[in-house]
Full PDB file with SEQRES, HELIX, SHEET, SSBOND, CRYST1, ORIGX, SCALE, CONECT and MASTER records, all heavy atoms in Angstrom:
SEQRES   1 A   35  ILE ILE GLY ALA GLY VAL MET GLY LYS GLY VAL ALA GLU          
SEQRES   2 A   35  ARG PHE SER LYS TYR GLY TYR ASP ILE VAL LEU ILE ASP          
SEQRES   3 A   35  ASN ASN SER GLU VAL LEU ASN ASN ALA                          
HELIX    1 AA1 VAL A    6  LYS A   17  1                                  12    
HELIX    2 AA2 SER A   29  ASN A   34  1                                   6    
CRYST1    1.000    1.000    1.000  90.00  90.00  90.00 P 1           1          
ORIGX1      1.000000  0.000000  0.000000        0.00000                         
ORIGX2      0.000000  1.000000  0.000000        0.00000                         
ORIGX3      0.000000  0.000000  1.000000        0.00000                         
SCALE1      1.000000  0.000000  0.000000        0.00000                         
SCALE2      0.000000  1.000000  0.000000        0.00000                         
SCALE3      0.000000  0.000000  1.000000        0.00000                         
ATOM      1  N   ILE A   1      15.770 -28.804 -80.503  1.00  0.00           N  
ATOM      2  CA  ILE A   1      14.772 -27.996 -81.211  1.00  0.00           C  
ATOM      3  C   ILE A   1      15.525 -26.733 -81.604  1.00  0.00           C  
ATOM      4  O   ILE A   1      16.081 -26.037 -80.750  1.00  0.00           O  
ATOM      5  CB  ILE A   1      13.602 -27.645 -80.321  1.00  0.00           C  
ATOM      6  CG1 ILE A   1      12.869 -29.006 -79.888  1.00  0.00           C  
ATOM      7  CG2 ILE A   1      12.596 -26.655 -81.028  1.00  0.00           C  
ATOM      8  CD1 ILE A   1      11.938 -28.775 -78.724  1.00  0.00           C  
ATOM      9  N   ILE A   2      15.551 -26.488 -82.898  1.00  0.00           N  
ATOM     10  CA  ILE A   2      16.143 -25.248 -83.436  1.00  0.00           C  
ATOM     11  C   ILE A   2      15.094 -24.204 -83.568  1.00  0.00           C  
ATOM     12  O   ILE A   2      14.127 -24.377 -84.382  1.00  0.00           O  
ATOM     13  CB  ILE A   2      16.950 -25.498 -84.718  1.00  0.00           C  
ATOM     14  CG1 ILE A   2      17.959 -26.572 -84.459  1.00  0.00           C  
ATOM     15  CG2 ILE A   2      17.485 -24.238 -85.296  1.00  0.00           C  
ATOM     16  CD1 ILE A   2      18.622 -27.033 -85.704  1.00  0.00           C  
ATOM     17  N   GLY A   3      15.193 -23.092 -82.906  1.00  0.00           N  
ATOM     18  CA  GLY A   3      14.229 -22.017 -82.907  1.00  0.00           C  
ATOM     19  C   GLY A   3      13.314 -22.018 -81.695  1.00  0.00           C  
ATOM     20  O   GLY A   3      12.681 -22.953 -81.383  1.00  0.00           O  
ATOM     21  N   ALA A   4      13.423 -20.899 -80.916  1.00  0.00           N  
ATOM     22  CA  ALA A   4      12.745 -20.879 -79.679  1.00  0.00           C  
ATOM     23  C   ALA A   4      11.520 -19.839 -79.736  1.00  0.00           C  
ATOM     24  O   ALA A   4      11.041 -19.260 -78.790  1.00  0.00           O  
ATOM     25  CB  ALA A   4      13.599 -20.348 -78.527  1.00  0.00           C  
ATOM     26  N   GLY A   5      10.974 -19.758 -81.004  1.00  0.00           N  
ATOM     27  CA  GLY A   5       9.812 -18.939 -81.159  1.00  0.00           C  
ATOM     28  C   GLY A   5       8.586 -19.655 -80.679  1.00  0.00           C  
ATOM     29  O   GLY A   5       8.588 -20.586 -79.926  1.00  0.00           O  
ATOM     30  N   VAL A   6       7.360 -19.243 -81.167  1.00  0.00           N  
ATOM     31  CA  VAL A   6       6.175 -19.788 -80.748  1.00  0.00           C  
ATOM     32  C   VAL A   6       6.081 -21.282 -80.895  1.00  0.00           C  
ATOM     33  O   VAL A   6       5.741 -22.013 -79.971  1.00  0.00           O  
ATOM     34  CB  VAL A   6       5.009 -19.055 -81.450  1.00  0.00           C  
ATOM     35  CG1 VAL A   6       3.603 -19.727 -81.134  1.00  0.00           C  
ATOM     36  CG2 VAL A   6       4.855 -17.589 -81.119  1.00  0.00           C  
ATOM     37  N   MET A   7       6.407 -21.750 -82.040  1.00  0.00           N  
ATOM     38  CA  MET A   7       6.376 -23.186 -82.325  1.00  0.00           C  
ATOM     39  C   MET A   7       7.435 -23.938 -81.538  1.00  0.00           C  
ATOM     40  O   MET A   7       7.125 -24.981 -80.934  1.00  0.00           O  
ATOM     41  CB  MET A   7       6.468 -23.485 -83.862  1.00  0.00           C  
ATOM     42  CG  MET A   7       6.137 -24.872 -84.185  1.00  0.00           C  
ATOM     43  SD  MET A   7       6.076 -24.977 -85.955  1.00  0.00           S  
ATOM     44  CE  MET A   7       5.330 -26.659 -86.049  1.00  0.00           C  
ATOM     45  N   GLY A   8       8.629 -23.435 -81.523  1.00  0.00           N  
ATOM     46  CA  GLY A   8       9.767 -24.123 -80.851  1.00  0.00           C  
ATOM     47  C   GLY A   8       9.539 -24.315 -79.413  1.00  0.00           C  
ATOM     48  O   GLY A   8       9.737 -25.392 -78.815  1.00  0.00           O  
ATOM     49  N   LYS A   9       9.029 -23.216 -78.744  1.00  0.00           N  
ATOM     50  CA  LYS A   9       8.774 -23.358 -77.274  1.00  0.00           C  
ATOM     51  C   LYS A   9       7.661 -24.242 -77.037  1.00  0.00           C  
ATOM     52  O   LYS A   9       7.605 -24.971 -76.051  1.00  0.00           O  
ATOM     53  CB  LYS A   9       8.667 -21.959 -76.605  1.00  0.00           C  
ATOM     54  CG  LYS A   9       7.411 -21.186 -76.934  1.00  0.00           C  
ATOM     55  CD  LYS A   9       7.538 -19.775 -76.301  1.00  0.00           C  
ATOM     56  CE  LYS A   9       6.349 -19.001 -76.806  1.00  0.00           C  
ATOM     57  NZ  LYS A   9       6.471 -17.618 -76.496  1.00  0.00           N  
ATOM     58  N   GLY A  10       6.674 -24.259 -77.896  1.00  0.00           N  
ATOM     59  CA  GLY A  10       5.524 -25.269 -77.701  1.00  0.00           C  
ATOM     60  C   GLY A  10       5.946 -26.615 -77.865  1.00  0.00           C  
ATOM     61  O   GLY A  10       5.547 -27.514 -77.074  1.00  0.00           O  
ATOM     62  N   VAL A  11       6.810 -26.944 -78.782  1.00  0.00           N  
ATOM     63  CA  VAL A  11       7.264 -28.289 -79.050  1.00  0.00           C  
ATOM     64  C   VAL A  11       8.122 -28.715 -77.807  1.00  0.00           C  
ATOM     65  O   VAL A  11       8.097 -29.773 -77.294  1.00  0.00           O  
ATOM     66  CB  VAL A  11       8.102 -28.393 -80.351  1.00  0.00           C  
ATOM     67  CG1 VAL A  11       8.811 -29.707 -80.445  1.00  0.00           C  
ATOM     68  CG2 VAL A  11       7.201 -28.210 -81.521  1.00  0.00           C  
ATOM     69  N   ALA A  12       8.991 -27.790 -77.414  1.00  0.00           N  
ATOM     70  CA  ALA A  12       9.879 -28.088 -76.204  1.00  0.00           C  
ATOM     71  C   ALA A  12       9.046 -28.309 -74.923  1.00  0.00           C  
ATOM     72  O   ALA A  12       9.385 -29.264 -74.261  1.00  0.00           O  
ATOM     73  CB  ALA A  12      10.781 -26.815 -75.920  1.00  0.00           C  
ATOM     74  N   GLU A  13       8.019 -27.613 -74.678  1.00  0.00           N  
ATOM     75  CA  GLU A  13       7.233 -27.850 -73.522  1.00  0.00           C  
ATOM     76  C   GLU A  13       6.493 -29.174 -73.641  1.00  0.00           C  
ATOM     77  O   GLU A  13       6.455 -29.949 -72.622  1.00  0.00           O  
ATOM     78  CB  GLU A  13       6.204 -26.727 -73.386  1.00  0.00           C  
ATOM     79  CG  GLU A  13       5.386 -26.879 -72.092  1.00  0.00           C  
ATOM     80  CD  GLU A  13       4.442 -25.763 -71.891  1.00  0.00           C  
ATOM     81  OE1 GLU A  13       4.666 -24.671 -72.371  1.00  0.00           O  
ATOM     82  OE2 GLU A  13       3.475 -25.929 -71.000  1.00  0.00           O  
ATOM     83  N   ARG A  14       5.976 -29.475 -74.825  1.00  0.00           N  
ATOM     84  CA  ARG A  14       5.198 -30.758 -74.998  1.00  0.00           C  
ATOM     85  C   ARG A  14       6.188 -31.908 -74.782  1.00  0.00           C  
ATOM     86  O   ARG A  14       5.828 -32.813 -74.042  1.00  0.00           O  
ATOM     87  CB  ARG A  14       4.664 -30.800 -76.348  1.00  0.00           C  
ATOM     88  CG  ARG A  14       3.903 -32.073 -76.699  1.00  0.00           C  
ATOM     89  CD  ARG A  14       2.719 -32.338 -75.865  1.00  0.00           C  
ATOM     90  NE  ARG A  14       1.670 -31.483 -76.268  1.00  0.00           N  
ATOM     91  CZ  ARG A  14       0.403 -31.470 -75.809  1.00  0.00           C  
ATOM     92  NH1 ARG A  14       0.104 -32.388 -74.823  1.00  0.00           N  
ATOM     93  NH2 ARG A  14      -0.482 -30.684 -76.242  1.00  0.00           N  
ATOM     94  N   PHE A  15       7.333 -31.935 -75.437  1.00  0.00           N  
ATOM     95  CA  PHE A  15       8.261 -33.094 -75.257  1.00  0.00           C  
ATOM     96  C   PHE A  15       8.772 -33.164 -73.792  1.00  0.00           C  
ATOM     97  O   PHE A  15       8.974 -34.279 -73.276  1.00  0.00           O  
ATOM     98  CB  PHE A  15       9.392 -32.948 -76.215  1.00  0.00           C  
ATOM     99  CG  PHE A  15       9.049 -33.580 -77.566  1.00  0.00           C  
ATOM    100  CD1 PHE A  15       8.572 -32.822 -78.579  1.00  0.00           C  
ATOM    101  CD2 PHE A  15       9.269 -34.993 -77.820  1.00  0.00           C  
ATOM    102  CE1 PHE A  15       8.212 -33.426 -79.817  1.00  0.00           C  
ATOM    103  CE2 PHE A  15       8.954 -35.545 -78.996  1.00  0.00           C  
ATOM    104  CZ  PHE A  15       8.394 -34.727 -80.076  1.00  0.00           C  
ATOM    105  N   SER A  16       9.005 -32.063 -73.126  1.00  0.00           N  
ATOM    106  CA  SER A  16       9.433 -32.175 -71.736  1.00  0.00           C  
ATOM    107  C   SER A  16       8.407 -32.756 -70.842  1.00  0.00           C  
ATOM    108  O   SER A  16       8.705 -33.499 -69.916  1.00  0.00           O  
ATOM    109  CB  SER A  16       9.895 -30.754 -71.187  1.00  0.00           C  
ATOM    110  OG  SER A  16       8.617 -29.957 -70.969  1.00  0.00           O  
ATOM    111  N   LYS A  17       7.146 -32.523 -71.220  1.00  0.00           N  
ATOM    112  CA  LYS A  17       6.014 -33.162 -70.439  1.00  0.00           C  
ATOM    113  C   LYS A  17       6.057 -34.702 -70.497  1.00  0.00           C  
ATOM    114  O   LYS A  17       5.707 -35.417 -69.571  1.00  0.00           O  
ATOM    115  CB  LYS A  17       4.673 -32.697 -70.999  1.00  0.00           C  
ATOM    116  CG  LYS A  17       3.454 -33.294 -70.367  1.00  0.00           C  
ATOM    117  CD  LYS A  17       2.210 -32.777 -71.009  1.00  0.00           C  
ATOM    118  CE  LYS A  17       1.030 -33.449 -70.447  1.00  0.00           C  
ATOM    119  NZ  LYS A  17      -0.187 -33.037 -71.112  1.00  0.00           N  
ATOM    120  N   TYR A  18       6.571 -35.242 -71.604  1.00  0.00           N  
ATOM    121  CA  TYR A  18       6.688 -36.660 -71.784  1.00  0.00           C  
ATOM    122  C   TYR A  18       8.041 -37.249 -71.403  1.00  0.00           C  
ATOM    123  O   TYR A  18       8.378 -38.380 -71.859  1.00  0.00           O  
ATOM    124  CB  TYR A  18       6.273 -36.996 -73.236  1.00  0.00           C  
ATOM    125  CG  TYR A  18       4.793 -36.743 -73.408  1.00  0.00           C  
ATOM    126  CD1 TYR A  18       4.327 -35.700 -74.156  1.00  0.00           C  
ATOM    127  CD2 TYR A  18       3.800 -37.620 -72.867  1.00  0.00           C  
ATOM    128  CE1 TYR A  18       2.994 -35.404 -74.388  1.00  0.00           C  
ATOM    129  CE2 TYR A  18       2.524 -37.347 -73.071  1.00  0.00           C  
ATOM    130  CZ  TYR A  18       2.084 -36.274 -73.769  1.00  0.00           C  
ATOM    131  OH  TYR A  18       0.667 -36.100 -73.958  1.00  0.00           O  
ATOM    132  N   GLY A  19       8.859 -36.498 -70.701  1.00  0.00           N  
ATOM    133  CA  GLY A  19      10.111 -37.008 -70.129  1.00  0.00           C  
ATOM    134  C   GLY A  19      11.360 -36.899 -71.008  1.00  0.00           C  
ATOM    135  O   GLY A  19      12.340 -37.496 -70.720  1.00  0.00           O  
ATOM    136  N   TYR A  20      11.354 -36.100 -72.064  1.00  0.00           N  
ATOM    137  CA  TYR A  20      12.450 -35.933 -72.873  1.00  0.00           C  
ATOM    138  C   TYR A  20      13.380 -34.879 -72.372  1.00  0.00           C  
ATOM    139  O   TYR A  20      12.949 -33.859 -71.730  1.00  0.00           O  
ATOM    140  CB  TYR A  20      12.096 -35.449 -74.301  1.00  0.00           C  
ATOM    141  CG  TYR A  20      11.532 -36.617 -75.158  1.00  0.00           C  
ATOM    142  CD1 TYR A  20      10.240 -37.034 -75.036  1.00  0.00           C  
ATOM    143  CD2 TYR A  20      12.332 -37.268 -76.014  1.00  0.00           C  
ATOM    144  CE1 TYR A  20       9.715 -38.040 -75.740  1.00  0.00           C  
ATOM    145  CE2 TYR A  20      11.865 -38.308 -76.863  1.00  0.00           C  
ATOM    146  CZ  TYR A  20      10.513 -38.671 -76.644  1.00  0.00           C  
ATOM    147  OH  TYR A  20      10.098 -39.731 -77.436  1.00  0.00           O  
ATOM    148  N   ASP A  21      14.712 -35.081 -72.516  1.00  0.00           N  
ATOM    149  CA  ASP A  21      15.671 -33.978 -72.294  1.00  0.00           C  
ATOM    150  C   ASP A  21      15.483 -33.001 -73.478  1.00  0.00           C  
ATOM    151  O   ASP A  21      15.455 -33.433 -74.629  1.00  0.00           O  
ATOM    152  CB  ASP A  21      17.114 -34.473 -72.362  1.00  0.00           C  
ATOM    153  CG  ASP A  21      17.498 -35.271 -71.145  1.00  0.00           C  
ATOM    154  OD1 ASP A  21      16.793 -35.206 -70.093  1.00  0.00           O  
ATOM    155  OD2 ASP A  21      18.451 -35.991 -71.226  1.00  0.00           O  
ATOM    156  N   ILE A  22      15.462 -31.728 -73.256  1.00  0.00           N  
ATOM    157  CA  ILE A  22      15.243 -30.754 -74.307  1.00  0.00           C  
ATOM    158  C   ILE A  22      16.426 -29.927 -74.447  1.00  0.00           C  
ATOM    159  O   ILE A  22      16.985 -29.298 -73.502  1.00  0.00           O  
ATOM    160  CB  ILE A  22      14.012 -29.874 -73.959  1.00  0.00           C  
ATOM    161  CG1 ILE A  22      12.739 -30.667 -73.732  1.00  0.00           C  
ATOM    162  CG2 ILE A  22      13.791 -28.848 -75.054  1.00  0.00           C  
ATOM    163  CD1 ILE A  22      12.357 -31.564 -74.849  1.00  0.00           C  
ATOM    164  N   VAL A  23      16.927 -29.804 -75.683  1.00  0.00           N  
ATOM    165  CA  VAL A  23      17.956 -28.826 -76.030  1.00  0.00           C  
ATOM    166  C   VAL A  23      17.417 -27.804 -76.933  1.00  0.00           C  
ATOM    167  O   VAL A  23      17.034 -28.139 -78.121  1.00  0.00           O  
ATOM    168  CB  VAL A  23      19.175 -29.546 -76.629  1.00  0.00           C  
ATOM    169  CG1 VAL A  23      20.218 -28.516 -77.095  1.00  0.00           C  
ATOM    170  CG2 VAL A  23      19.813 -30.588 -75.789  1.00  0.00           C  
ATOM    171  N   LEU A  24      17.134 -26.651 -76.531  1.00  0.00           N  
ATOM    172  CA  LEU A  24      16.474 -25.576 -77.255  1.00  0.00           C  
ATOM    173  C   LEU A  24      17.616 -24.582 -77.761  1.00  0.00           C  
ATOM    174  O   LEU A  24      18.323 -24.082 -76.998  1.00  0.00           O  
ATOM    175  CB  LEU A  24      15.492 -24.906 -76.368  1.00  0.00           C  
ATOM    176  CG  LEU A  24      14.590 -23.890 -77.009  1.00  0.00           C  
ATOM    177  CD1 LEU A  24      13.719 -24.461 -78.184  1.00  0.00           C  
ATOM    178  CD2 LEU A  24      13.582 -23.241 -75.952  1.00  0.00           C  
ATOM    179  N   ILE A  25      17.532 -24.397 -79.006  1.00  0.00           N  
ATOM    180  CA  ILE A  25      18.677 -23.454 -79.630  1.00  0.00           C  
ATOM    181  C   ILE A  25      18.021 -22.365 -80.388  1.00  0.00           C  
ATOM    182  O   ILE A  25      16.989 -22.572 -81.151  1.00  0.00           O  
ATOM    183  CB  ILE A  25      19.462 -24.308 -80.589  1.00  0.00           C  
ATOM    184  CG1 ILE A  25      20.200 -25.453 -79.800  1.00  0.00           C  
ATOM    185  CG2 ILE A  25      20.539 -23.472 -81.315  1.00  0.00           C  
ATOM    186  CD1 ILE A  25      20.870 -26.490 -80.757  1.00  0.00           C  
ATOM    187  N   ASP A  26      18.525 -21.189 -80.224  1.00  0.00           N  
ATOM    188  CA  ASP A  26      18.053 -20.041 -81.035  1.00  0.00           C  
ATOM    189  C   ASP A  26      19.253 -19.116 -81.186  1.00  0.00           C  
ATOM    190  O   ASP A  26      20.110 -18.947 -80.205  1.00  0.00           O  
ATOM    191  CB  ASP A  26      16.936 -19.368 -80.349  1.00  0.00           C  
ATOM    192  CG  ASP A  26      16.138 -18.423 -81.267  1.00  0.00           C  
ATOM    193  OD1 ASP A  26      16.641 -17.345 -81.699  1.00  0.00           O  
ATOM    194  OD2 ASP A  26      14.993 -18.810 -81.644  1.00  0.00           O  
ATOM    195  N   ASN A  27      19.383 -18.383 -82.259  1.00  0.00           N  
ATOM    196  CA  ASN A  27      20.456 -17.429 -82.451  1.00  0.00           C  
ATOM    197  C   ASN A  27      20.247 -16.109 -81.815  1.00  0.00           C  
ATOM    198  O   ASN A  27      21.189 -15.269 -81.776  1.00  0.00           O  
ATOM    199  CB  ASN A  27      20.820 -17.265 -83.927  1.00  0.00           C  
ATOM    200  CG  ASN A  27      19.669 -16.701 -84.791  1.00  0.00           C  
ATOM    201  OD1 ASN A  27      18.626 -16.586 -84.269  1.00  0.00           O  
ATOM    202  ND2 ASN A  27      19.927 -16.530 -86.010  1.00  0.00           N  
ATOM    203  N   ASN A  28      19.063 -15.895 -81.252  1.00  0.00           N  
ATOM    204  CA  ASN A  28      18.761 -14.624 -80.592  1.00  0.00           C  
ATOM    205  C   ASN A  28      18.592 -14.948 -79.126  1.00  0.00           C  
ATOM    206  O   ASN A  28      17.651 -15.585 -78.680  1.00  0.00           O  
ATOM    207  CB  ASN A  28      17.468 -13.970 -81.172  1.00  0.00           C  
ATOM    208  CG  ASN A  28      17.109 -12.727 -80.592  1.00  0.00           C  
ATOM    209  OD1 ASN A  28      17.281 -12.487 -79.408  1.00  0.00           O  
ATOM    210  ND2 ASN A  28      16.519 -11.858 -81.408  1.00  0.00           N  
ATOM    211  N   SER A  29      19.550 -14.480 -78.338  1.00  0.00           N  
ATOM    212  CA  SER A  29      19.475 -14.803 -76.824  1.00  0.00           C  
ATOM    213  C   SER A  29      18.195 -14.253 -76.176  1.00  0.00           C  
ATOM    214  O   SER A  29      17.712 -14.867 -75.206  1.00  0.00           O  
ATOM    215  CB  SER A  29      20.788 -14.398 -76.149  1.00  0.00           C  
ATOM    216  OG  SER A  29      20.941 -12.971 -76.281  1.00  0.00           O  
ATOM    217  N   GLU A  30      17.698 -13.128 -76.657  1.00  0.00           N  
ATOM    218  CA  GLU A  30      16.529 -12.630 -76.062  1.00  0.00           C  
ATOM    219  C   GLU A  30      15.343 -13.560 -76.280  1.00  0.00           C  
ATOM    220  O   GLU A  30      14.522 -13.771 -75.348  1.00  0.00           O  
ATOM    221  CB  GLU A  30      16.234 -11.219 -76.572  1.00  0.00           C  
ATOM    222  CG  GLU A  30      15.031 -10.488 -75.941  1.00  0.00           C  
ATOM    223  CD  GLU A  30      14.850  -9.090 -76.403  1.00  0.00           C  
ATOM    224  OE1 GLU A  30      15.770  -8.549 -77.049  1.00  0.00           O  
ATOM    225  OE2 GLU A  30      13.736  -8.525 -76.248  1.00  0.00           O  
ATOM    226  N   VAL A  31      15.217 -14.014 -77.469  1.00  0.00           N  
ATOM    227  CA  VAL A  31      14.114 -14.978 -77.790  1.00  0.00           C  
ATOM    228  C   VAL A  31      14.272 -16.198 -76.970  1.00  0.00           C  
ATOM    229  O   VAL A  31      13.258 -16.692 -76.440  1.00  0.00           O  
ATOM    230  CB  VAL A  31      14.101 -15.223 -79.300  1.00  0.00           C  
ATOM    231  CG1 VAL A  31      13.086 -16.385 -79.655  1.00  0.00           C  
ATOM    232  CG2 VAL A  31      13.686 -14.038 -80.068  1.00  0.00           C  
ATOM    233  N   LEU A  32      15.461 -16.764 -76.925  1.00  0.00           N  
ATOM    234  CA  LEU A  32      15.781 -17.973 -76.129  1.00  0.00           C  
ATOM    235  C   LEU A  32      15.426 -17.765 -74.676  1.00  0.00           C  
ATOM    236  O   LEU A  32      14.720 -18.588 -74.102  1.00  0.00           O  
ATOM    237  CB  LEU A  32      17.184 -18.392 -76.318  1.00  0.00           C  
ATOM    238  CG  LEU A  32      17.631 -19.598 -75.627  1.00  0.00           C  
ATOM    239  CD1 LEU A  32      16.842 -20.833 -76.144  1.00  0.00           C  
ATOM    240  CD2 LEU A  32      19.127 -19.889 -75.846  1.00  0.00           C  
ATOM    241  N   ASN A  33      15.803 -16.666 -74.058  1.00  0.00           N  
ATOM    242  CA  ASN A  33      15.523 -16.348 -72.661  1.00  0.00           C  
ATOM    243  C   ASN A  33      14.085 -16.236 -72.408  1.00  0.00           C  
ATOM    244  O   ASN A  33      13.560 -16.713 -71.381  1.00  0.00           O  
ATOM    245  CB  ASN A  33      16.316 -15.129 -72.114  1.00  0.00           C  
ATOM    246  CG  ASN A  33      17.798 -15.417 -72.043  1.00  0.00           C  
ATOM    247  OD1 ASN A  33      18.236 -16.543 -71.866  1.00  0.00           O  
ATOM    248  ND2 ASN A  33      18.594 -14.381 -72.229  1.00  0.00           N  
ATOM    249  N   ASN A  34      13.360 -15.559 -73.297  1.00  0.00           N  
ATOM    250  CA  ASN A  34      11.871 -15.438 -73.105  1.00  0.00           C  
ATOM    251  C   ASN A  34      11.262 -16.700 -73.261  1.00  0.00           C  
ATOM    252  O   ASN A  34      10.262 -16.996 -72.481  1.00  0.00           O  
ATOM    253  CB  ASN A  34      11.307 -14.479 -74.266  1.00  0.00           C  
ATOM    254  CG  ASN A  34      11.668 -12.984 -73.929  1.00  0.00           C  
ATOM    255  OD1 ASN A  34      11.985 -12.586 -72.828  1.00  0.00           O  
ATOM    256  ND2 ASN A  34      11.651 -12.225 -74.974  1.00  0.00           N  
ATOM    257  N   ALA A  35      11.656 -17.610 -74.118  1.00  0.00           N  
ATOM    258  CA  ALA A  35      11.079 -18.952 -74.299  1.00  0.00           C  
ATOM    259  C   ALA A  35      11.272 -19.725 -73.036  1.00  0.00           C  
ATOM    260  O   ALA A  35      10.303 -20.320 -72.551  1.00  0.00           O  
ATOM    261  CB  ALA A  35      11.624 -19.648 -75.500  1.00  0.00           C  
TER     262      ALA A  35                                                      
MASTER        0    0    0    2    0    0    0    6  261    1    0    3          
END                                                                             
């Protein structure tokens, strides 16, 4: 998932719930860490 904003973190959480490995990428480390 490219982008750890509101939508990206929601998608990441949803897919992790269903057993997927998640690779979350963002060019802003603060946004990524918050997500």
